[in-house]
């Protein structure tokens, strides 16, 4: 029987008892067995931060591709299929190629303990090293210092806004979390820093100074803002007047600023910077669903999907909903039990008329629908439960046919929806 990537990935899940176990020892061991592909990558741009990593990466990629560059990109988690994590010179990795590199990494690992993220990151690095390209965009999975991606010497590093998330792994203060993110800073490699709270910026700048890494920080070396429906970016080389990002939300202005700071550092012209705004695509970030069975079930209702899942993401969503045309808004929400549910939902209570809670299908760490509904009620939302997103949608549309419905709370739920909705 022909092997599939899914079958190998399932075997990889069994190689370590924990999903997350932060250390680089196992990664270095496997990379060594693979002849150190991390030393043969096209120039790497390494991206850490709590929110905005994927969106920033998507905008940088759009800009570089507009310059005619071949761009590798690594991101996680995937939404519908694992292949989304590995983009080779602009194209998602093929099933045959993915199966081949996963099988090679599995064999070279020799059955020794290694986490799923670690071994699949090694597989991505192997694929990147063997495929010609001009740049490699590498998104950190969790933290930075001990993340499996932190085995490279970057051309440039980026730290997007840092906020509270994954406290059980990274620490329970902004300063501690910023210290983990700052672990990607390498000696002499320039660092682009997005908007930060003071305590985060202090930690990041101190680490950069100790590593001799030149800093390009928001508010100091570059500025970005919205003016009259346009995006204005300014750095030492001048001012850009661009369209607003294709990715919706006030928070995307900041992400766009970081992407533009990177592109300008790499010598991009104004056309490439404009392409970064207009051509970027990033699913499940306030994505309007326009076709498929769920859209058909929604009838006249607007259907939106977002995978943000921490307090900062809740605040960003609230700001975006406040700017959309007035329409009664109802949430369908499923979250993981490792997240700050009330922190996420509190801002959304100001914009939503109700929340219907669901459990995330097939996800061991889902928060129960009952617990999500209880947290929603605690922050003042009218809350109920449903057995599925489809059932929740039917209930909402039966009472409010013209509603705006936002499915939200987790990238795992978003992935489930994208698979279901075709």
Protein backbone atom coordinates (compact mmCIF):
# COMPACT_ATOMS: atom_id res chain seq x y z
CA UNK A 1 0.00 0.00 0.00
CA UNK A 2 1.32 3.46 -0.91
CA UNK A 3 2.23 5.58 2.08
CA UNK A 4 0.50 8.94 2.56
CA UNK A 5 1.78 11.98 4.41
CA UNK A 6 -1.17 11.62 6.81
CA UNK A 7 -0.09 8.11 7.78
CA UNK A 8 3.50 9.22 8.48
CA UNK A 9 2.31 12.28 10.42
CA UNK A 10 0.15 10.01 12.57
CA UNK A 11 3.21 7.87 13.36
CA UNK A 12 5.16 11.00 14.21
CA UNK A 13 2.55 12.00 16.79
CA UNK A 14 3.47 8.90 18.78
CA UNK A 15 7.21 9.68 19.02
CA UNK A 16 6.88 11.82 22.16
CA UNK A 17 4.34 11.71 25.01
CA UNK A 18 3.97 15.50 25.05
CA UNK A 19 2.79 17.80 22.26
CA UNK A 20 5.01 20.63 23.57
CA UNK A 21 8.34 20.07 25.34
CA UNK A 22 10.60 23.06 24.80
CA UNK A 23 14.26 22.24 24.20
CA UNK A 24 16.48 22.24 21.13
CA UNK A 25 18.50 19.08 21.89
CA UNK A 26 16.29 16.69 19.89
CA UNK A 27 16.15 19.10 16.93
CA UNK A 28 19.95 19.49 16.77
CA UNK A 29 20.34 15.70 16.95
CA UNK A 30 18.00 15.05 14.02
CA UNK A 31 19.35 17.93 11.94
CA UNK A 32 22.83 16.50 12.40
CA UNK A 33 21.58 13.11 11.14
CA UNK A 34 20.13 14.92 8.11
CA UNK A 35 23.49 16.61 7.32
CA UNK A 36 22.38 19.97 8.78
CA UNK A 37 20.01 21.35 6.13
CA UNK A 38 19.58 24.52 8.24
CA UNK A 39 23.06 25.58 7.10
CA UNK A 40 22.03 25.54 3.42
CA UNK A 41 18.87 27.64 3.38
CA UNK A 42 18.19 30.69 1.21
CA UNK A 43 18.53 33.86 3.38
CA UNK A 44 16.17 33.50 6.35
CA UNK A 45 13.73 36.05 7.78
CA UNK A 46 12.74 34.73 11.23
CA UNK A 47 9.42 35.91 12.72
CA UNK A 48 8.43 35.68 16.40
CA UNK A 49 5.72 37.44 18.44
CA UNK A 50 2.36 36.71 20.06
CA UNK A 51 0.00 38.09 17.42
CA UNK A 52 0.41 38.95 13.76
CA UNK A 53 3.25 36.58 12.78
CA UNK A 54 1.32 34.89 9.98
CA UNK A 55 -0.23 38.08 8.61
CA UNK A 56 3.14 39.85 8.63
CA UNK A 57 4.72 36.88 6.87
CA UNK A 58 1.95 36.87 4.24
CA UNK A 59 2.53 40.56 3.46
CA UNK A 60 6.31 40.16 3.24
CA UNK A 61 5.85 37.19 0.90
CA UNK A 62 3.46 39.15 -1.33
CA UNK A 63 5.99 42.00 -1.55
CA UNK A 64 8.98 39.77 -2.29
CA UNK A 65 7.06 37.81 -4.91
CA UNK A 66 6.10 41.07 -6.60
CA UNK A 67 9.86 41.71 -6.90
CA UNK A 68 10.15 38.40 -8.78
CA UNK A 69 11.71 36.55 -5.83
CA UNK A 70 11.21 32.86 -5.07
CA UNK A 71 10.06 32.59 -1.44
CA UNK A 72 9.92 29.61 0.91
CA UNK A 73 7.48 30.01 3.80
CA UNK A 74 6.94 27.99 6.97
CA UNK A 75 3.96 28.56 9.24
CA UNK A 76 1.91 26.73 11.86
CA UNK A 77 -0.56 25.42 12.75
CA UNK A 78 -2.18 24.45 9.49
CA UNK A 79 -5.89 24.98 8.98
CA UNK A 80 -7.25 22.35 6.58
CA UNK A 81 -4.17 20.34 5.50
CA UNK A 82 -0.62 19.94 6.81
CA UNK A 83 0.78 20.94 3.39
CA UNK A 84 -0.16 24.58 4.17
CA UNK A 85 2.78 24.73 6.61
CA UNK A 86 5.43 24.34 3.89
CA UNK A 87 5.48 26.59 0.84
CA UNK A 88 8.38 25.96 -1.57
CA UNK A 89 9.35 28.88 -3.83
CA UNK A 90 5.75 30.08 -3.76
CA UNK A 91 3.92 26.75 -4.12
CA UNK A 92 2.48 24.52 -1.39
CA UNK A 93 4.53 21.36 -1.04
CA UNK A 94 3.16 18.48 -3.12
CA UNK A 95 1.86 15.30 -1.50
CA UNK A 96 4.66 13.20 -3.04
CA UNK A 97 7.40 15.57 -1.90
CA UNK A 98 5.92 15.88 1.59
CA UNK A 99 5.63 12.11 1.96
CA UNK A 100 9.23 11.68 0.83
CA UNK A 101 10.76 14.18 3.29
CA UNK A 102 8.58 13.04 6.21
CA UNK A 103 9.60 9.44 5.58
CA UNK A 104 13.27 10.41 5.41
CA UNK A 105 13.07 12.35 8.69
CA UNK A 106 11.16 9.52 10.39
CA UNK A 107 13.78 7.00 9.30
CA UNK A 108 16.75 9.20 10.29
CA UNK A 109 15.18 9.87 13.70
CA UNK A 110 15.34 6.13 14.43
CA UNK A 111 12.34 5.97 16.75
CA UNK A 112 13.94 8.27 19.37
CA UNK A 113 11.79 10.74 21.37
CA UNK A 114 11.00 13.91 19.38
CA UNK A 115 7.87 16.04 19.30
CA UNK A 116 5.62 16.32 16.26
CA UNK A 117 6.48 20.01 15.76
CA UNK A 118 10.20 19.33 16.06
CA UNK A 119 10.34 16.54 13.50
CA UNK A 120 8.03 18.31 11.04
CA UNK A 121 10.10 21.51 11.36
CA UNK A 122 13.20 19.48 10.48
CA UNK A 123 11.31 18.15 7.46
CA UNK A 124 10.47 21.69 6.35
CA UNK A 125 14.10 22.80 6.68
CA UNK A 126 15.17 19.77 4.62
CA UNK A 127 12.71 20.66 1.85
CA UNK A 128 13.80 24.32 1.91
CA UNK A 129 17.50 23.42 1.67
CA UNK A 130 16.89 21.23 -1.39
CA UNK A 131 14.72 23.68 -3.34
CA UNK A 132 16.23 26.84 -4.88
CA UNK A 133 14.70 30.15 -3.72
CA UNK A 134 15.74 33.70 -2.85
CA UNK A 135 14.34 33.90 0.70
CA UNK A 136 13.04 31.68 3.49
CA UNK A 137 10.30 33.08 5.74
CA UNK A 138 10.34 31.10 8.98
CA UNK A 139 7.55 31.59 11.52
CA UNK A 140 8.22 30.59 15.13
CA UNK A 141 5.82 28.00 16.50
CA UNK A 142 5.83 28.96 20.19
CA UNK A 143 8.05 31.41 22.07
CA UNK A 144 11.38 31.73 20.29
CA UNK A 145 14.40 30.87 22.41
CA UNK A 146 13.64 27.13 22.55
CA UNK A 147 11.39 26.89 19.49
CA UNK A 148 12.36 24.26 16.93
CA UNK A 149 12.83 26.96 14.28
CA UNK A 150 15.56 28.68 16.33
CA UNK A 151 18.40 26.75 14.70
CA UNK A 152 19.22 29.18 11.92
CA UNK A 153 21.32 32.29 11.37
CA UNK A 154 18.88 34.83 9.94
CA UNK A 155 19.38 37.62 7.45
CA UNK A 156 16.89 39.55 9.56
CA UNK A 157 14.56 38.86 12.51
CA UNK A 158 11.14 40.27 13.37
CA UNK A 159 9.27 40.45 16.69
CA UNK A 160 5.58 41.35 16.26
CA UNK A 161 3.53 42.62 19.25
CA UNK A 162 4.06 40.59 22.41
CA UNK A 163 1.12 39.90 24.73
CA UNK A 164 0.08 37.31 27.30
CA UNK A 165 -0.36 33.82 25.81
CA UNK A 166 1.01 30.33 26.50
CA UNK A 167 1.91 31.38 30.07
CA UNK A 168 2.46 27.74 31.11
CA UNK A 169 5.43 27.58 28.72
CA UNK A 170 6.70 31.16 28.40
CA UNK A 171 6.05 32.79 31.78
CA UNK A 172 3.26 34.86 33.29
CA UNK A 173 4.51 38.41 32.65
CA UNK A 174 5.02 40.44 29.49
CA UNK A 175 8.72 40.79 30.34
CA UNK A 176 9.23 37.01 30.68
CA UNK A 177 7.35 36.29 27.45
CA UNK A 178 9.30 39.03 25.63
CA UNK A 179 12.52 37.42 26.88
CA UNK A 180 11.52 34.12 25.26
CA UNK A 181 10.60 35.86 21.98
CA UNK A 182 13.88 37.82 22.06
CA UNK A 183 15.70 34.46 22.06
CA UNK A 184 15.57 34.56 18.23
CA UNK A 185 17.85 37.62 18.11
CA UNK A 186 21.21 36.65 16.61
CA UNK A 187 24.55 38.40 16.71
CA UNK A 188 24.69 41.22 14.19
CA UNK A 189 21.40 40.32 12.44
CA UNK A 190 19.07 43.34 12.07
CA UNK A 191 15.81 43.19 14.06
CA UNK A 192 12.47 44.76 13.08
CA UNK A 193 10.30 45.35 16.16
CA UNK A 194 6.54 45.93 15.95
CA UNK A 195 4.57 48.00 18.49
CA UNK A 196 5.31 46.79 22.04
CA UNK A 197 4.35 47.51 25.60
CA UNK A 198 7.20 49.32 27.40
CA UNK A 199 8.24 46.31 29.49
CA UNK A 200 8.47 44.11 26.37
CA UNK A 201 10.43 46.69 24.39
CA UNK A 202 12.91 47.15 27.23
CA UNK A 203 13.70 43.41 27.29
CA UNK A 204 13.92 43.15 23.47
CA UNK A 205 16.18 46.20 23.12
CA UNK A 206 18.48 45.01 25.90
CA UNK A 207 18.87 41.60 24.23
CA UNK A 208 19.50 43.22 20.83
CA UNK A 209 22.16 45.50 22.35
CA UNK A 210 23.91 42.52 23.96
CA UNK A 211 23.97 40.76 20.56
CA UNK A 212 25.07 43.78 18.54
CA UNK A 213 21.86 43.48 16.50
CA UNK A 214 20.75 46.74 14.83
CA UNK A 215 17.13 47.55 15.78
CA UNK A 216 14.43 49.02 13.51
CA UNK A 217 11.65 49.73 16.02
CA UNK A 218 8.11 51.02 15.55
CA UNK A 219 7.77 54.62 16.77
CA UNK A 220 11.52 55.21 16.54
CA UNK A 221 12.82 54.10 13.14
CA UNK A 222 9.53 53.65 11.33
CA UNK A 223 5.96 54.87 11.70
CA UNK A 224 2.72 53.61 10.23
CA UNK A 225 -0.85 54.91 10.43
CA UNK A 226 -4.14 55.13 8.58
CA UNK A 227 -5.11 58.45 7.03
CA UNK A 228 -8.16 59.12 4.85
CA UNK A 229 -8.60 55.47 3.97
CA UNK A 230 -4.94 55.00 3.02
CA UNK A 231 -1.93 53.51 4.78
CA UNK A 232 0.95 55.90 5.41
CA UNK A 233 4.38 54.45 6.21
CA UNK A 234 7.46 56.50 6.97
CA UNK A 235 11.06 55.57 7.66
CA UNK A 236 14.43 57.21 7.12
CA UNK A 237 14.23 56.65 3.36
CA UNK A 238 10.95 58.54 2.98
CA UNK A 239 7.17 58.27 3.00
CA UNK A 240 4.89 55.72 1.33
CA UNK A 241 1.19 56.38 0.64
CA UNK A 242 -0.37 52.96 0.00
CA UNK A 243 -3.76 51.20 -0.14
CA UNK A 244 -4.95 49.73 3.15
CA UNK A 245 -3.99 46.06 3.63
CA UNK A 246 -6.22 43.47 2.00
CA UNK A 247 -6.20 41.76 5.42
CA UNK A 248 -8.93 43.46 7.46
CA UNK A 249 -8.61 45.11 10.85
CA UNK A 250 -6.88 48.04 12.54
CA UNK A 251 -4.25 45.62 13.90
CA UNK A 252 -3.23 44.80 10.32
CA UNK A 253 -1.95 48.38 9.95
CA UNK A 254 0.74 47.53 12.55
CA UNK A 255 1.51 44.20 10.89
CA UNK A 256 1.75 45.98 7.55
CA UNK A 257 4.21 48.45 9.07
CA UNK A 258 6.53 45.65 10.19
CA UNK A 259 6.29 43.99 6.77
CA UNK A 260 7.08 47.29 5.02
CA UNK A 261 10.04 47.95 7.34
CA UNK A 262 11.43 44.55 6.31
CA UNK A 263 10.77 45.07 2.60
CA UNK A 264 12.37 48.51 2.60
CA UNK A 265 15.42 47.10 4.40
CA UNK A 266 15.65 44.50 1.62
CA UNK A 267 15.51 47.18 -1.08
CA UNK A 268 11.86 46.86 -2.19
CA UNK A 269 10.46 49.61 -4.40
CA UNK A 270 7.06 51.25 -4.00
CA UNK A 271 5.36 48.78 -6.39
CA UNK A 272 6.50 45.83 -4.26
CA UNK A 273 5.34 47.60 -1.09
CA UNK A 274 1.93 48.21 -2.68
CA UNK A 275 1.72 44.53 -3.69
CA UNK A 276 2.41 43.59 -0.06
CA UNK A 277 -0.77 45.46 0.88
CA UNK A 278 -3.03 44.35 -1.97
CA UNK A 279 -1.91 40.79 -2.72
CA UNK A 280 -1.51 39.26 0.75
CA UNK A 281 -3.86 36.40 1.61
CA UNK A 282 -4.14 34.78 5.02
CA UNK A 283 -7.12 32.48 5.69
CA UNK A 284 -9.16 32.59 8.92
CA UNK A 285 -8.09 36.11 9.82
CA UNK A 286 -11.45 37.86 9.66
CA UNK A 287 -12.17 36.00 6.45
CA UNK A 288 -15.55 36.53 4.79
CA UNK A 289 -16.87 33.13 3.69
CA UNK A 290 -18.55 33.52 0.30
CA UNK A 291 -19.35 30.00 -0.88
CA UNK A 292 -19.87 26.46 0.38
CA UNK A 293 -22.52 24.55 2.36
CA UNK A 294 -22.29 26.74 5.47
CA UNK A 295 -22.76 29.89 3.40
CA UNK A 296 -25.78 28.30 1.72
CA UNK A 297 -27.19 27.39 5.15
CA UNK A 298 -26.66 31.00 6.29
CA UNK A 299 -29.01 32.36 3.59
CA UNK A 300 -29.06 36.17 3.84
CA UNK A 301 -26.72 36.26 6.82
CA UNK A 302 -23.09 37.39 6.49
CA UNK A 303 -20.68 34.65 7.51
CA UNK A 304 -17.18 35.42 8.82
CA UNK A 305 -14.37 33.25 10.19
CA UNK A 306 -11.52 34.18 12.52
CA UNK A 307 -8.95 32.03 14.32
CA UNK A 308 -7.64 34.55 16.89
CA UNK A 309 -7.72 33.11 20.40
CA UNK A 310 -6.16 35.36 23.05
CA UNK A 311 -7.07 38.66 24.73
CA UNK A 312 -5.18 40.77 22.18
CA UNK A 313 -6.99 38.97 19.33
CA UNK A 314 -10.35 39.61 21.04
CA UNK A 315 -9.56 43.33 21.28
CA UNK A 316 -8.48 43.44 17.60
CA UNK A 317 -11.69 41.71 16.51
CA UNK A 318 -13.80 44.09 18.58
CA UNK A 319 -12.13 47.07 16.90
CA UNK A 320 -12.76 45.57 13.46
CA UNK A 321 -16.41 44.76 14.17
CA UNK A 322 -16.92 48.35 15.39
CA UNK A 323 -15.79 49.65 11.98
CA UNK A 324 -18.02 47.40 9.87
CA UNK A 325 -21.44 48.63 8.74
CA UNK A 326 -23.98 48.28 11.57
CA UNK A 327 -25.53 44.83 11.59
CA UNK A 328 -26.70 42.58 14.42
CA UNK A 329 -23.73 40.36 15.22
CA UNK A 330 -23.84 36.86 16.69
CA UNK A 331 -20.82 34.74 17.63
CA UNK A 332 -20.35 30.99 17.28
CA UNK A 333 -17.37 30.22 19.47
CA UNK A 334 -15.23 27.20 20.31
CA UNK A 335 -11.98 27.47 22.27
CA UNK A 336 -9.14 25.39 23.68
CA UNK A 337 -8.99 24.79 27.42
CA UNK A 338 -5.50 26.33 27.55
CA UNK A 339 -6.70 29.82 26.58
CA UNK A 340 -7.85 32.89 28.54
CA UNK A 341 -11.49 32.63 27.51
CA UNK A 342 -12.85 35.59 29.46
CA UNK A 343 -9.92 37.77 28.34
CA UNK A 344 -10.75 36.92 24.73
CA UNK A 345 -14.53 37.34 25.04
CA UNK A 346 -14.72 40.50 27.21
CA UNK A 347 -14.02 42.95 24.34
CA UNK A 348 -16.35 41.07 21.98
CA UNK A 349 -19.25 41.47 24.41
CA UNK A 350 -19.34 45.14 23.38
CA UNK A 351 -20.15 44.24 19.76
CA UNK A 352 -22.09 40.95 19.80
CA UNK A 353 -25.75 40.34 20.59
CA UNK A 354 -25.22 36.69 21.52
CA UNK A 355 -22.75 33.81 21.65
CA UNK A 356 -23.49 30.20 20.83
CA UNK A 357 -20.82 27.91 22.26
CA UNK A 358 -19.62 24.73 20.56
CA UNK A 359 -16.95 22.16 21.31
CA UNK A 360 -14.19 21.87 18.70
CA UNK A 361 -14.76 18.57 16.84
CA UNK A 362 -11.98 16.01 17.17
CA UNK A 363 -9.87 18.19 19.48
CA UNK A 364 -8.82 16.60 22.79
CA UNK A 365 -8.07 19.98 24.39
CA UNK A 366 -11.34 21.64 23.48
CA UNK A 367 -13.11 23.64 26.15
CA UNK A 368 -16.60 22.22 26.57
CA UNK A 369 -19.45 24.18 25.06
CA UNK A 370 -20.89 24.54 28.56
CA UNK A 371 -17.70 26.13 29.91
CA UNK A 372 -17.42 28.51 26.94
CA UNK A 373 -21.06 29.53 27.39
CA UNK A 374 -20.47 30.10 31.12
CA UNK A 375 -17.47 32.34 30.38
CA UNK A 376 -19.53 34.28 27.82
CA UNK A 377 -22.33 34.84 30.33
CA UNK A 378 -19.73 36.03 32.86
CA UNK A 379 -18.68 38.88 30.55
CA UNK A 380 -22.28 39.87 29.80
CA UNK A 381 -23.07 38.00 26.59
CA UNK A 382 -26.37 36.23 26.05
CA UNK A 383 -25.04 32.68 25.80
CA UNK A 384 -26.30 29.28 24.69
CA UNK A 385 -24.85 25.97 23.50
CA UNK A 386 -25.18 23.99 20.29
CA UNK A 387 -24.08 20.52 19.22
CA UNK A 388 -22.32 21.85 16.11
CA UNK A 389 -21.54 25.00 14.15
CA UNK A 390 -24.17 24.00 11.59
CA UNK A 391 -26.84 23.70 14.32
CA UNK A 392 -25.77 27.02 15.86
CA UNK A 393 -25.93 28.73 12.48
CA UNK A 394 -29.41 27.37 11.75
CA UNK A 395 -30.69 28.60 15.14
CA UNK A 396 -29.26 32.10 14.65
CA UNK A 397 -30.56 32.42 11.08
CA UNK A 398 -34.03 31.20 12.10
CA UNK A 399 -34.41 34.15 14.49
CA UNK A 400 -32.20 36.78 12.79
CA UNK A 401 -32.04 36.03 9.03
CA UNK A 402 -29.93 39.12 8.26
CA UNK A 403 -27.39 38.63 11.03
CA UNK A 404 -23.64 38.98 10.82
CA UNK A 405 -22.35 35.63 12.12
CA UNK A 406 -18.74 35.31 13.23
CA UNK A 407 -17.29 31.84 13.85
CA UNK A 408 -14.35 32.41 16.16
CA UNK A 409 -12.15 31.39 19.11
CA UNK A 410 -9.58 28.94 17.72
CA UNK A 411 -7.50 28.17 14.64
CA UNK A 412 -8.44 24.52 15.18
CA UNK A 413 -12.13 25.38 14.90
CA UNK A 414 -11.35 27.57 11.87
CA UNK A 415 -9.52 24.69 10.20
CA UNK A 416 -12.46 22.41 10.85
CA UNK A 417 -14.79 24.95 9.23
CA UNK A 418 -12.57 25.39 6.14
CA UNK A 419 -12.46 21.60 5.67
CA UNK A 420 -16.25 21.24 6.17
CA UNK A 421 -17.14 24.19 3.98
CA UNK A 422 -14.98 22.94 1.10
